[in-house]
PDB file of all heavy atoms in Angstrom:
ATOM      1  N   SER A   1      -3.585-151.960 -10.332  1.00  0.00           N
ATOM      2  CA  SER A   1      -4.721-151.165  -9.727  1.00  0.00           C
ATOM      3  C   SER A   1      -5.935-151.476 -10.501  1.00  0.00           C
ATOM      4  O   SER A   1      -6.011-151.780 -11.685  1.00  0.00           O
ATOM      5  CB  SER A   1      -4.540-149.607  -9.837  1.00  0.00           C
ATOM      6  OG  SER A   1      -3.270-149.241  -9.251  1.00  0.00           O
ATOM      7  N   LEU A   2      -7.096-151.313  -9.758  1.00  0.00           N
ATOM      8  CA  LEU A   2      -8.379-151.407 -10.362  1.00  0.00           C
ATOM      9  C   LEU A   2      -9.271-150.358  -9.648  1.00  0.00           C
ATOM     10  O   LEU A   2      -9.141-150.084  -8.518  1.00  0.00           O
ATOM     11  CB  LEU A   2      -9.101-152.771 -10.200  1.00  0.00           C
ATOM     12  CG  LEU A   2      -8.532-153.888 -11.172  1.00  0.00           C
ATOM     13  CD1 LEU A   2      -9.238-155.270 -10.819  1.00  0.00           C
ATOM     14  CD2 LEU A   2      -9.022-153.550 -12.608  1.00  0.00           C
ATOM     15  N   ARG A   3     -10.354-149.959 -10.355  1.00  0.00           N
ATOM     16  CA  ARG A   3     -11.264-149.044  -9.786  1.00  0.00           C
ATOM     17  C   ARG A   3     -12.625-149.660  -9.916  1.00  0.00           C
ATOM     18  O   ARG A   3     -13.178-149.851 -11.068  1.00  0.00           O
ATOM     19  CB  ARG A   3     -11.245-147.604 -10.449  1.00  0.00           C
ATOM     20  CG  ARG A   3     -12.144-146.672  -9.725  1.00  0.00           C
ATOM     21  CD  ARG A   3     -12.409-145.449 -10.630  1.00  0.00           C
ATOM     22  NE  ARG A   3     -12.905-144.261  -9.785  1.00  0.00           N
ATOM     23  CZ  ARG A   3     -13.588-143.258 -10.452  1.00  0.00           C
ATOM     24  NH1 ARG A   3     -13.647-143.204 -11.658  1.00  0.00           N
ATOM     25  NH2 ARG A   3     -13.936-142.183  -9.641  1.00  0.00           N
ATOM     26  N   LEU A   4     -13.278-149.956  -8.848  1.00  0.00           N
ATOM     27  CA  LEU A   4     -14.592-150.509  -8.794  1.00  0.00           C
ATOM     28  C   LEU A   4     -15.696-149.378  -8.764  1.00  0.00           C
ATOM     29  O   LEU A   4     -15.326-148.426  -8.057  1.00  0.00           O
ATOM     30  CB  LEU A   4     -14.842-151.551  -7.820  1.00  0.00           C
ATOM     31  CG  LEU A   4     -13.904-152.700  -7.692  1.00  0.00           C
ATOM     32  CD1 LEU A   4     -14.320-153.668  -6.512  1.00  0.00           C
ATOM     33  CD2 LEU A   4     -13.766-153.399  -8.948  1.00  0.00           C
ATOM     34  N   SER A   5     -16.759-149.556  -9.400  1.00  0.00           N
ATOM     35  CA  SER A   5     -17.919-148.631  -9.307  1.00  0.00           C
ATOM     36  C   SER A   5     -19.198-149.353  -8.983  1.00  0.00           C
ATOM     37  O   SER A   5     -19.306-150.576  -9.216  1.00  0.00           O
ATOM     38  CB  SER A   5     -18.134-147.854 -10.637  1.00  0.00           C
ATOM     39  OG  SER A   5     -17.020-147.162 -11.165  1.00  0.00           O
ATOM     40  N   CYS A   6     -19.962-148.685  -8.192  1.00  0.00           N
ATOM     41  CA  CYS A   6     -21.316-149.154  -7.787  1.00  0.00           C
ATOM     42  C   CYS A   6     -22.357-148.153  -8.098  1.00  0.00           C
ATOM     43  O   CYS A   6     -22.375-147.161  -7.368  1.00  0.00           O
ATOM     44  CB  CYS A   6     -21.260-149.604  -6.348  1.00  0.00           C
ATOM     45  SG  CYS A   6     -22.938-150.086  -5.704  1.00  0.00           S
ATOM     46  N   ALA A   7     -23.145-148.393  -8.970  1.00  0.00           N
ATOM     47  CA  ALA A   7     -24.252-147.568  -9.371  1.00  0.00           C
ATOM     48  C   ALA A   7     -25.557-147.859  -8.661  1.00  0.00           C
ATOM     49  O   ALA A   7     -25.969-148.996  -8.721  1.00  0.00           O
ATOM     50  CB  ALA A   7     -24.525-147.526 -10.988  1.00  0.00           C
ATOM     51  N   ALA A   8     -26.095-146.894  -8.040  1.00  0.00           N
ATOM     52  CA  ALA A   8     -27.267-147.145  -7.216  1.00  0.00           C
ATOM     53  C   ALA A   8     -28.540-146.428  -7.824  1.00  0.00           C
ATOM     54  O   ALA A   8     -28.488-145.424  -8.036  1.00  0.00           O
ATOM     55  CB  ALA A   8     -27.043-146.706  -5.811  1.00  0.00           C
ATOM     56  N   SER A   9     -29.568-147.355  -7.831  1.00  0.00           N
ATOM     57  CA  SER A   9     -30.902-146.685  -8.288  1.00  0.00           C
ATOM     58  C   SER A   9     -31.667-146.479  -6.995  1.00  0.00           C
ATOM     59  O   SER A   9     -32.368-147.306  -6.511  1.00  0.00           O
ATOM     60  CB  SER A   9     -31.686-147.752  -9.091  1.00  0.00           C
ATOM     61  OG  SER A   9     -31.860-148.998  -8.410  1.00  0.00           O
ATOM     62  N   ILE A  10     -31.313-145.345  -6.360  1.00  0.00           N
ATOM     63  CA  ILE A  10     -31.892-144.951  -5.209  1.00  0.00           C
ATOM     64  C   ILE A  10     -32.317-143.564  -5.295  1.00  0.00           C
ATOM     65  O   ILE A  10     -31.546-142.735  -5.670  1.00  0.00           O
ATOM     66  CB  ILE A  10     -30.900-145.057  -3.859  1.00  0.00           C
ATOM     67  CG1 ILE A  10     -30.375-146.564  -3.793  1.00  0.00           C
ATOM     68  CG2 ILE A  10     -31.359-144.595  -2.606  1.00  0.00           C
ATOM     69  CD1 ILE A  10     -29.298-146.621  -2.757  1.00  0.00           C
ATOM     70  N   HIS A  11     -33.541-143.235  -4.808  1.00  0.00           N
ATOM     71  CA  HIS A  11     -34.082-141.883  -4.938  1.00  0.00           C
ATOM     72  C   HIS A  11     -33.290-140.832  -4.177  1.00  0.00           C
ATOM     73  O   HIS A  11     -33.063-139.715  -4.643  1.00  0.00           O
ATOM     74  CB  HIS A  11     -35.533-141.808  -4.583  1.00  0.00           C
ATOM     75  CG  HIS A  11     -36.190-140.510  -4.818  1.00  0.00           C
ATOM     76  ND1 HIS A  11     -36.258-139.890  -6.053  1.00  0.00           N
ATOM     77  CD2 HIS A  11     -36.825-139.611  -3.944  1.00  0.00           C
ATOM     78  CE1 HIS A  11     -36.844-138.731  -5.911  1.00  0.00           C
ATOM     79  NE2 HIS A  11     -37.142-138.639  -4.666  1.00  0.00           N
ATOM     80  N   THR A  12     -32.911-141.273  -2.900  1.00  0.00           N
ATOM     81  CA  THR A  12     -32.091-140.339  -2.143  1.00  0.00           C
ATOM     82  C   THR A  12     -30.794-140.963  -1.753  1.00  0.00           C
ATOM     83  O   THR A  12     -30.656-141.361  -0.545  1.00  0.00           O
ATOM     84  CB  THR A  12     -33.042-139.980  -0.791  1.00  0.00           C
ATOM     85  OG1 THR A  12     -33.455-141.228  -0.278  1.00  0.00           O
ATOM     86  CG2 THR A  12     -34.174-139.152  -1.118  1.00  0.00           C
ATOM     87  N   PHE A  13     -29.885-141.098  -2.693  1.00  0.00           N
ATOM     88  CA  PHE A  13     -28.624-141.805  -2.481  1.00  0.00           C
ATOM     89  C   PHE A  13     -27.945-141.269  -1.353  1.00  0.00           C
ATOM     90  O   PHE A  13     -27.204-141.932  -0.618  1.00  0.00           O
ATOM     91  CB  PHE A  13     -27.849-141.733  -3.764  1.00  0.00           C
ATOM     92  CG  PHE A  13     -26.612-142.399  -3.718  1.00  0.00           C
ATOM     93  CD1 PHE A  13     -26.414-143.757  -3.660  1.00  0.00           C
ATOM     94  CD2 PHE A  13     -25.388-141.696  -3.731  1.00  0.00           C
ATOM     95  CE1 PHE A  13     -25.263-144.409  -3.562  1.00  0.00           C
ATOM     96  CE2 PHE A  13     -24.095-142.288  -3.682  1.00  0.00           C
ATOM     97  CZ  PHE A  13     -24.010-143.523  -3.641  1.00  0.00           C
ATOM     98  N   SER A  14     -27.957-139.954  -1.060  1.00  0.00           N
ATOM     99  CA  SER A  14     -27.196-139.210  -0.181  1.00  0.00           C
ATOM    100  C   SER A  14     -27.779-139.559   1.291  1.00  0.00           C
ATOM    101  O   SER A  14     -27.049-139.244   2.302  1.00  0.00           O
ATOM    102  CB  SER A  14     -27.223-137.707  -0.323  1.00  0.00           C
ATOM    103  OG  SER A  14     -28.571-137.223  -0.210  1.00  0.00           O
ATOM    104  N   ALA A  15     -28.898-140.322   1.439  1.00  0.00           N
ATOM    105  CA  ALA A  15     -29.345-140.770   2.696  1.00  0.00           C
ATOM    106  C   ALA A  15     -28.791-142.092   3.120  1.00  0.00           C
ATOM    107  O   ALA A  15     -29.190-142.548   4.175  1.00  0.00           O
ATOM    108  CB  ALA A  15     -30.874-140.816   2.623  1.00  0.00           C
ATOM    109  N   TYR A  16     -28.085-142.756   2.301  1.00  0.00           N
ATOM    110  CA  TYR A  16     -27.578-144.139   2.550  1.00  0.00           C
ATOM    111  C   TYR A  16     -26.103-144.097   2.780  1.00  0.00           C
ATOM    112  O   TYR A  16     -25.269-143.607   2.016  1.00  0.00           O
ATOM    113  CB  TYR A  16     -27.839-145.024   1.246  1.00  0.00           C
ATOM    114  CG  TYR A  16     -29.229-145.374   1.184  1.00  0.00           C
ATOM    115  CD1 TYR A  16     -30.241-144.382   0.670  1.00  0.00           C
ATOM    116  CD2 TYR A  16     -29.760-146.668   1.453  1.00  0.00           C
ATOM    117  CE1 TYR A  16     -31.569-144.710   0.572  1.00  0.00           C
ATOM    118  CE2 TYR A  16     -31.074-147.005   1.354  1.00  0.00           C
ATOM    119  CZ  TYR A  16     -31.907-145.957   0.860  1.00  0.00           C
ATOM    120  OH  TYR A  16     -33.314-146.331   0.687  1.00  0.00           O
ATOM    121  N   ALA A  17     -25.751-144.831   3.793  1.00  0.00           N
ATOM    122  CA  ALA A  17     -24.420-145.164   4.045  1.00  0.00           C
ATOM    123  C   ALA A  17     -23.991-146.365   3.177  1.00  0.00           C
ATOM    124  O   ALA A  17     -24.885-147.180   2.795  1.00  0.00           O
ATOM    125  CB  ALA A  17     -24.121-145.651   5.563  1.00  0.00           C
ATOM    126  N   MET A  18     -22.818-146.385   2.622  1.00  0.00           N
ATOM    127  CA  MET A  18     -22.406-147.243   1.565  1.00  0.00           C
ATOM    128  C   MET A  18     -21.063-148.052   2.065  1.00  0.00           C
ATOM    129  O   MET A  18     -20.326-147.523   2.895  1.00  0.00           O
ATOM    130  CB  MET A  18     -22.112-146.614   0.251  1.00  0.00           C
ATOM    131  CG  MET A  18     -23.229-145.806  -0.296  1.00  0.00           C
ATOM    132  SD  MET A  18     -24.707-146.866  -0.656  1.00  0.00           S
ATOM    133  CE  MET A  18     -23.959-147.898  -1.972  1.00  0.00           C
ATOM    134  N   ALA A  19     -20.957-149.192   1.618  1.00  0.00           N
ATOM    135  CA  ALA A  19     -19.796-150.084   2.004  1.00  0.00           C
ATOM    136  C   ALA A  19     -19.432-151.030   0.836  1.00  0.00           C
ATOM    137  O   ALA A  19     -20.344-151.288  -0.110  1.00  0.00           O
ATOM    138  CB  ALA A  19     -20.170-150.842   3.220  1.00  0.00           C
ATOM    139  N   TRP A  20     -18.170-151.494   0.875  1.00  0.00           N
ATOM    140  CA  TRP A  20     -17.703-152.576   0.074  1.00  0.00           C
ATOM    141  C   TRP A  20     -17.355-153.721   0.926  1.00  0.00           C
ATOM    142  O   TRP A  20     -16.782-153.548   2.003  1.00  0.00           O
ATOM    143  CB  TRP A  20     -16.519-152.217  -0.769  1.00  0.00           C
ATOM    144  CG  TRP A  20     -16.904-151.146  -1.850  1.00  0.00           C
ATOM    145  CD1 TRP A  20     -16.785-149.816  -1.802  1.00  0.00           C
ATOM    146  CD2 TRP A  20     -17.216-151.525  -3.147  1.00  0.00           C
ATOM    147  NE1 TRP A  20     -17.094-149.329  -3.035  1.00  0.00           N
ATOM    148  CE2 TRP A  20     -17.436-150.291  -3.900  1.00  0.00           C
ATOM    149  CE3 TRP A  20     -17.459-152.777  -3.850  1.00  0.00           C
ATOM    150  CZ2 TRP A  20     -17.719-150.326  -5.220  1.00  0.00           C
ATOM    151  CZ3 TRP A  20     -17.913-152.684  -5.181  1.00  0.00           C
ATOM    152  CH2 TRP A  20     -18.072-151.529  -5.801  1.00  0.00           C
ATOM    153  N   PHE A  21     -17.796-154.913   0.552  1.00  0.00           N
ATOM    154  CA  PHE A  21     -17.343-156.216   1.177  1.00  0.00           C
ATOM    155  C   PHE A  21     -16.749-157.185   0.058  1.00  0.00           C
ATOM    156  O   PHE A  21     -16.804-156.805  -1.082  1.00  0.00           O
ATOM    157  CB  PHE A  21     -18.593-157.012   1.849  1.00  0.00           C
ATOM    158  CG  PHE A  21     -19.093-156.289   2.976  1.00  0.00           C
ATOM    159  CD1 PHE A  21     -19.807-155.079   3.059  1.00  0.00           C
ATOM    160  CD2 PHE A  21     -18.917-156.900   4.236  1.00  0.00           C
ATOM    161  CE1 PHE A  21     -20.295-154.502   4.189  1.00  0.00           C
ATOM    162  CE2 PHE A  21     -19.349-156.418   5.408  1.00  0.00           C
ATOM    163  CZ  PHE A  21     -19.978-155.142   5.308  1.00  0.00           C
ATOM    164  N   ARG A  22     -16.084-158.142   0.434  1.00  0.00           N
ATOM    165  CA  ARG A  22     -15.529-159.109  -0.474  1.00  0.00           C
ATOM    166  C   ARG A  22     -15.689-160.544   0.078  1.00  0.00           C
ATOM    167  O   ARG A  22     -15.703-160.737   1.331  1.00  0.00           O
ATOM    168  CB  ARG A  22     -14.025-158.722  -0.826  1.00  0.00           C
ATOM    169  CG  ARG A  22     -13.052-158.959   0.318  1.00  0.00           C
ATOM    170  CD  ARG A  22     -11.719-158.438  -0.126  1.00  0.00           C
ATOM    171  NE  ARG A  22     -10.732-158.655   0.935  1.00  0.00           N
ATOM    172  CZ  ARG A  22      -9.459-158.188   0.829  1.00  0.00           C
ATOM    173  NH1 ARG A  22      -9.105-157.501  -0.182  1.00  0.00           N
ATOM    174  NH2 ARG A  22      -8.598-158.450   1.865  1.00  0.00           N
ATOM    175  N   GLN A  23     -15.678-161.497  -0.809  1.00  0.00           N
ATOM    176  CA  GLN A  23     -15.786-162.817  -0.402  1.00  0.00           C
ATOM    177  C   GLN A  23     -14.922-163.642  -1.363  1.00  0.00           C
ATOM    178  O   GLN A  23     -15.132-163.713  -2.642  1.00  0.00           O
ATOM    179  CB  GLN A  23     -17.255-163.306  -0.432  1.00  0.00           C
ATOM    180  CG  GLN A  23     -17.418-164.829   0.054  1.00  0.00           C
ATOM    181  CD  GLN A  23     -18.798-165.078   0.254  1.00  0.00           C
ATOM    182  OE1 GLN A  23     -19.847-164.374  -0.331  1.00  0.00           O
ATOM    183  NE2 GLN A  23     -19.154-166.120   1.091  1.00  0.00           N
ATOM    184  N   ALA A  24     -13.844-164.246  -0.746  1.00  0.00           N
ATOM    185  CA  ALA A  24     -12.999-165.206  -1.427  1.00  0.00           C
ATOM    186  C   ALA A  24     -13.596-166.636  -1.365  1.00  0.00           C
ATOM    187  O   ALA A  24     -14.386-166.970  -0.491  1.00  0.00           O
ATOM    188  CB  ALA A  24     -11.520-165.156  -0.801  1.00  0.00           C
ATOM    189  N   PRO A  25     -13.169-167.482  -2.420  1.00  0.00           N
ATOM    190  CA  PRO A  25     -13.704-168.889  -2.375  1.00  0.00           C
ATOM    191  C   PRO A  25     -13.397-169.524  -1.045  1.00  0.00           C
ATOM    192  O   PRO A  25     -12.349-169.617  -0.572  1.00  0.00           O
ATOM    193  CB  PRO A  25     -12.921-169.504  -3.527  1.00  0.00           C
ATOM    194  CG  PRO A  25     -12.636-168.365  -4.402  1.00  0.00           C
ATOM    195  CD  PRO A  25     -12.331-167.166  -3.534  1.00  0.00           C
ATOM    196  N   GLY A  26     -14.577-170.223  -0.533  1.00  0.00           N
ATOM    197  CA  GLY A  26     -14.273-170.907   0.763  1.00  0.00           C
ATOM    198  C   GLY A  26     -14.278-170.037   1.970  1.00  0.00           C
ATOM    199  O   GLY A  26     -14.125-170.634   3.104  1.00  0.00           O
ATOM    200  N   LYS A  27     -14.443-168.760   1.805  1.00  0.00           N
ATOM    201  CA  LYS A  27     -14.283-167.963   3.067  1.00  0.00           C
ATOM    202  C   LYS A  27     -15.601-167.106   3.176  1.00  0.00           C
ATOM    203  O   LYS A  27     -16.436-167.002   2.362  1.00  0.00           O
ATOM    204  CB  LYS A  27     -13.245-166.838   2.849  1.00  0.00           C
ATOM    205  CG  LYS A  27     -11.864-167.651   2.989  1.00  0.00           C
ATOM    206  CD  LYS A  27     -10.752-166.568   2.856  1.00  0.00           C
ATOM    207  CE  LYS A  27      -9.311-167.237   2.951  1.00  0.00           C
ATOM    208  NZ  LYS A  27      -8.183-166.240   2.976  1.00  0.00           N
ATOM    209  N   GLU A  28     -15.737-166.572   4.355  1.00  0.00           N
ATOM    210  CA  GLU A  28     -16.990-165.735   4.691  1.00  0.00           C
ATOM    211  C   GLU A  28     -16.736-164.388   4.092  1.00  0.00           C
ATOM    212  O   GLU A  28     -15.666-163.934   3.815  1.00  0.00           O
ATOM    213  CB  GLU A  28     -17.132-165.572   6.129  1.00  0.00           C
ATOM    214  CG  GLU A  28     -17.569-166.856   6.918  1.00  0.00           C
ATOM    215  CD  GLU A  28     -17.822-166.665   8.337  1.00  0.00           C
ATOM    216  OE1 GLU A  28     -17.574-165.496   8.835  1.00  0.00           O
ATOM    217  OE2 GLU A  28     -18.286-167.603   9.039  1.00  0.00           O
ATOM    218  N   ARG A  29     -17.902-163.782   3.793  1.00  0.00           N
ATOM    219  CA  ARG A  29     -17.913-162.334   3.255  1.00  0.00           C
ATOM    220  C   ARG A  29     -17.363-161.424   4.364  1.00  0.00           C
ATOM    221  O   ARG A  29     -17.638-161.505   5.575  1.00  0.00           O
ATOM    222  CB  ARG A  29     -19.314-161.991   2.873  1.00  0.00           C
ATOM    223  CG  ARG A  29     -19.303-160.598   2.142  1.00  0.00           C
ATOM    224  CD  ARG A  29     -20.671-160.317   1.545  1.00  0.00           C
ATOM    225  NE  ARG A  29     -21.093-161.401   0.620  1.00  0.00           N
ATOM    226  CZ  ARG A  29     -22.215-161.357  -0.121  1.00  0.00           C
ATOM    227  NH1 ARG A  29     -23.051-160.340  -0.082  1.00  0.00           N
ATOM    228  NH2 ARG A  29     -22.542-162.336  -0.919  1.00  0.00           N
ATOM    229  N   GLU A  30     -16.378-160.504   3.902  1.00  0.00           N
ATOM    230  CA  GLU A  30     -15.638-159.726   4.952  1.00  0.00           C
ATOM    231  C   GLU A  30     -15.755-158.228   4.531  1.00  0.00           C
ATOM    232  O   GLU A  30     -15.746-157.921   3.265  1.00  0.00           O
ATOM    233  CB  GLU A  30     -14.215-160.094   5.024  1.00  0.00           C
ATOM    234  CG  GLU A  30     -13.325-159.949   3.774  1.00  0.00           C
ATOM    235  CD  GLU A  30     -11.943-160.238   4.117  1.00  0.00           C
ATOM    236  OE1 GLU A  30     -11.560-160.697   5.206  1.00  0.00           O
ATOM    237  OE2 GLU A  30     -10.983-160.010   3.209  1.00  0.00           O
ATOM    238  N   PHE A  31     -15.724-157.287   5.549  1.00  0.00           N
ATOM    239  CA  PHE A  31     -15.750-155.947   5.291  1.00  0.00           C
ATOM    240  C   PHE A  31     -14.443-155.395   4.677  1.00  0.00           C
ATOM    241  O   PHE A  31     -13.257-155.891   4.958  1.00  0.00           O
ATOM    242  CB  PHE A  31     -15.936-155.275   6.757  1.00  0.00           C
ATOM    243  CG  PHE A  31     -15.778-153.784   6.653  1.00  0.00           C
ATOM    244  CD1 PHE A  31     -16.800-152.993   6.274  1.00  0.00           C
ATOM    245  CD2 PHE A  31     -14.535-153.281   7.096  1.00  0.00           C
ATOM    246  CE1 PHE A  31     -16.670-151.629   6.298  1.00  0.00           C
ATOM    247  CE2 PHE A  31     -14.376-151.868   7.158  1.00  0.00           C
ATOM    248  CZ  PHE A  31     -15.469-151.042   6.699  1.00  0.00           C
ATOM    249  N   VAL A  32     -14.631-154.495   3.759  1.00  0.00           N
ATOM    250  CA  VAL A  32     -13.445-153.951   3.101  1.00  0.00           C
ATOM    251  C   VAL A  32     -13.395-152.298   3.465  1.00  0.00           C
ATOM    252  O   VAL A  32     -12.478-151.856   3.858  1.00  0.00           O
ATOM    253  CB  VAL A  32     -13.514-154.040   1.605  1.00  0.00           C
ATOM    254  CG1 VAL A  32     -12.384-153.229   0.874  1.00  0.00           C
ATOM    255  CG2 VAL A  32     -13.507-155.488   1.277  1.00  0.00           C
ATOM    256  N   ALA A  33     -14.520-151.643   3.200  1.00  0.00           N
ATOM    257  CA  ALA A  33     -14.527-150.221   3.435  1.00  0.00           C
ATOM    258  C   ALA A  33     -15.884-149.641   3.572  1.00  0.00           C
ATOM    259  O   ALA A  33     -16.910-150.339   3.082  1.00  0.00           O
ATOM    260  CB  ALA A  33     -13.861-149.509   2.242  1.00  0.00           C
ATOM    261  N   HIS A  34     -16.075-148.492   4.225  1.00  0.00           N
ATOM    262  CA  HIS A  34     -17.332-147.923   4.559  1.00  0.00           C
ATOM    263  C   HIS A  34     -17.238-146.414   4.352  1.00  0.00           C
ATOM    264  O   HIS A  34     -16.195-145.824   4.549  1.00  0.00           O
ATOM    265  CB  HIS A  34     -17.837-148.250   5.949  1.00  0.00           C
ATOM    266  CG  HIS A  34     -18.765-147.220   6.485  1.00  0.00           C
ATOM    267  ND1 HIS A  34     -18.355-146.242   7.311  1.00  0.00           N
ATOM    268  CD2 HIS A  34     -20.164-147.092   6.403  1.00  0.00           C
ATOM    269  CE1 HIS A  34     -19.480-145.500   7.609  1.00  0.00           C
ATOM    270  NE2 HIS A  34     -20.413-146.092   7.104  1.00  0.00           N
ATOM    271  N   ILE A  35     -18.312-145.783   3.903  1.00  0.00           N
ATOM    272  CA  ILE A  35     -18.243-144.277   3.659  1.00  0.00           C
ATOM    273  C   ILE A  35     -19.597-143.776   4.272  1.00  0.00           C
ATOM    274  O   ILE A  35     -20.627-144.348   3.938  1.00  0.00           O
ATOM    275  CB  ILE A  35     -17.913-143.951   2.224  1.00  0.00           C
ATOM    276  CG1 ILE A  35     -17.773-142.354   2.090  1.00  0.00           C
ATOM    277  CG2 ILE A  35     -19.025-144.305   1.308  1.00  0.00           C
ATOM    278  CD1 ILE A  35     -17.106-141.993   0.847  1.00  0.00           C
ATOM    279  N   THR A  36     -19.518-142.564   4.955  1.00  0.00           N
ATOM    280  CA  THR A  36     -20.795-142.130   5.462  1.00  0.00           C
ATOM    281  C   THR A  36     -21.594-141.375   4.298  1.00  0.00           C
ATOM    282  O   THR A  36     -21.114-141.258   3.219  1.00  0.00           O
ATOM    283  CB  THR A  36     -20.432-141.119   6.629  1.00  0.00           C
ATOM    284  OG1 THR A  36     -19.454-140.064   6.054  1.00  0.00           O
ATOM    285  CG2 THR A  36     -19.884-141.682   7.829  1.00  0.00           C
ATOM    286  N   ARG A  37     -22.663-141.002   4.711  1.00  0.00           N
ATOM    287  CA  ARG A  37     -23.698-140.523   3.762  1.00  0.00           C
ATOM    288  C   ARG A  37     -23.076-139.216   2.893  1.00  0.00           C
ATOM    289  O   ARG A  37     -23.313-139.137   1.751  1.00  0.00           O
ATOM    290  CB  ARG A  37     -24.984-140.093   4.339  1.00  0.00           C
ATOM    291  CG  ARG A  37     -25.665-141.283   4.882  1.00  0.00           C
ATOM    292  CD  ARG A  37     -27.013-140.872   5.799  1.00  0.00           C
ATOM    293  NE  ARG A  37     -26.523-140.059   6.925  1.00  0.00           N
ATOM    294  CZ  ARG A  37     -27.359-139.469   7.790  1.00  0.00           C
ATOM    295  NH1 ARG A  37     -28.663-139.572   7.569  1.00  0.00           N
ATOM    296  NH2 ARG A  37     -26.948-138.904   8.875  1.00  0.00           N
ATOM    297  N   SER A  38     -22.447-138.370   3.612  1.00  0.00           N
ATOM    298  CA  SER A  38     -21.838-137.282   3.055  1.00  0.00           C
ATOM    299  C   SER A  38     -20.396-137.444   2.365  1.00  0.00           C
ATOM    300  O   SER A  38     -20.008-136.681   1.676  1.00  0.00           O
ATOM    301  CB  SER A  38     -21.681-136.180   4.141  1.00  0.00           C
ATOM    302  OG  SER A  38     -20.692-136.408   5.033  1.00  0.00           O
ATOM    303  N   GLY A  39     -19.921-138.544   2.680  1.00  0.00           N
ATOM    304  CA  GLY A  39     -18.505-138.920   2.278  1.00  0.00           C
ATOM    305  C   GLY A  39     -17.480-138.494   3.208  1.00  0.00           C
ATOM    306  O   GLY A  39     -16.284-138.472   2.883  1.00  0.00           O
ATOM    307  N   GLY A  40     -17.877-137.800   4.306  1.00  0.00           N
ATOM    308  CA  GLY A  40     -16.854-137.145   5.105  1.00  0.00           C
ATOM    309  C   GLY A  40     -16.046-138.063   5.992  1.00  0.00           C
ATOM    310  O   GLY A  40     -14.941-137.675   6.486  1.00  0.00           O
ATOM    311  N   ILE A  41     -16.566-139.256   6.199  1.00  0.00           N
ATOM    312  CA  ILE A  41     -15.809-140.302   7.099  1.00  0.00           C
ATOM    313  C   ILE A  41     -15.764-141.595   6.427  1.00  0.00           C
ATOM    314  O   ILE A  41     -16.794-142.049   5.772  1.00  0.00           O
ATOM    315  CB  ILE A  41     -16.588-140.464   8.398  1.00  0.00           C
ATOM    316  CG1 ILE A  41     -16.597-139.120   9.209  1.00  0.00           C
ATOM    317  CG2 ILE A  41     -15.876-141.545   9.310  1.00  0.00           C
ATOM    318  CD1 ILE A  41     -17.423-139.186  10.501  1.00  0.00           C
ATOM    319  N   THR A  42     -14.558-142.140   6.430  1.00  0.00           N
ATOM    320  CA  THR A  42     -14.414-143.524   5.779  1.00  0.00           C
ATOM    321  C   THR A  42     -13.769-144.453   6.887  1.00  0.00           C
ATOM    322  O   THR A  42     -13.059-143.958   7.762  1.00  0.00           O
ATOM    323  CB  THR A  42     -13.504-143.344   4.522  1.00  0.00           C
ATOM    324  OG1 THR A  42     -12.188-142.767   4.857  1.00  0.00           O
ATOM    325  CG2 THR A  42     -14.180-142.582   3.557  1.00  0.00           C
ATOM    326  N   ASN A  43     -14.029-145.667   6.593  1.00  0.00           N
ATOM    327  CA  ASN A  43     -13.385-146.762   7.491  1.00  0.00           C
ATOM    328  C   ASN A  43     -12.898-147.854   6.632  1.00  0.00           C
ATOM    329  O   ASN A  43     -13.470-148.130   5.505  1.00  0.00           O
ATOM    330  CB  ASN A  43     -14.376-147.272   8.422  1.00  0.00           C
ATOM    331  CG  ASN A  43     -14.859-146.265   9.482  1.00  0.00           C
ATOM    332  OD1 ASN A  43     -14.307-145.835  10.374  1.00  0.00           O
ATOM    333  ND2 ASN A  43     -16.110-145.695   9.118  1.00  0.00           N
TER     334      ASN A  43
END
């Protein structure tokens, strides 16, 4: 297991939808996960 963190320097962080993507060597960047502004919905 690993836990990644992303620290944001955003004045109103709660106004931003956030996501994680990943890119393996030789491949396109791909979607991993998304979370809504309140955290109530994830994909």
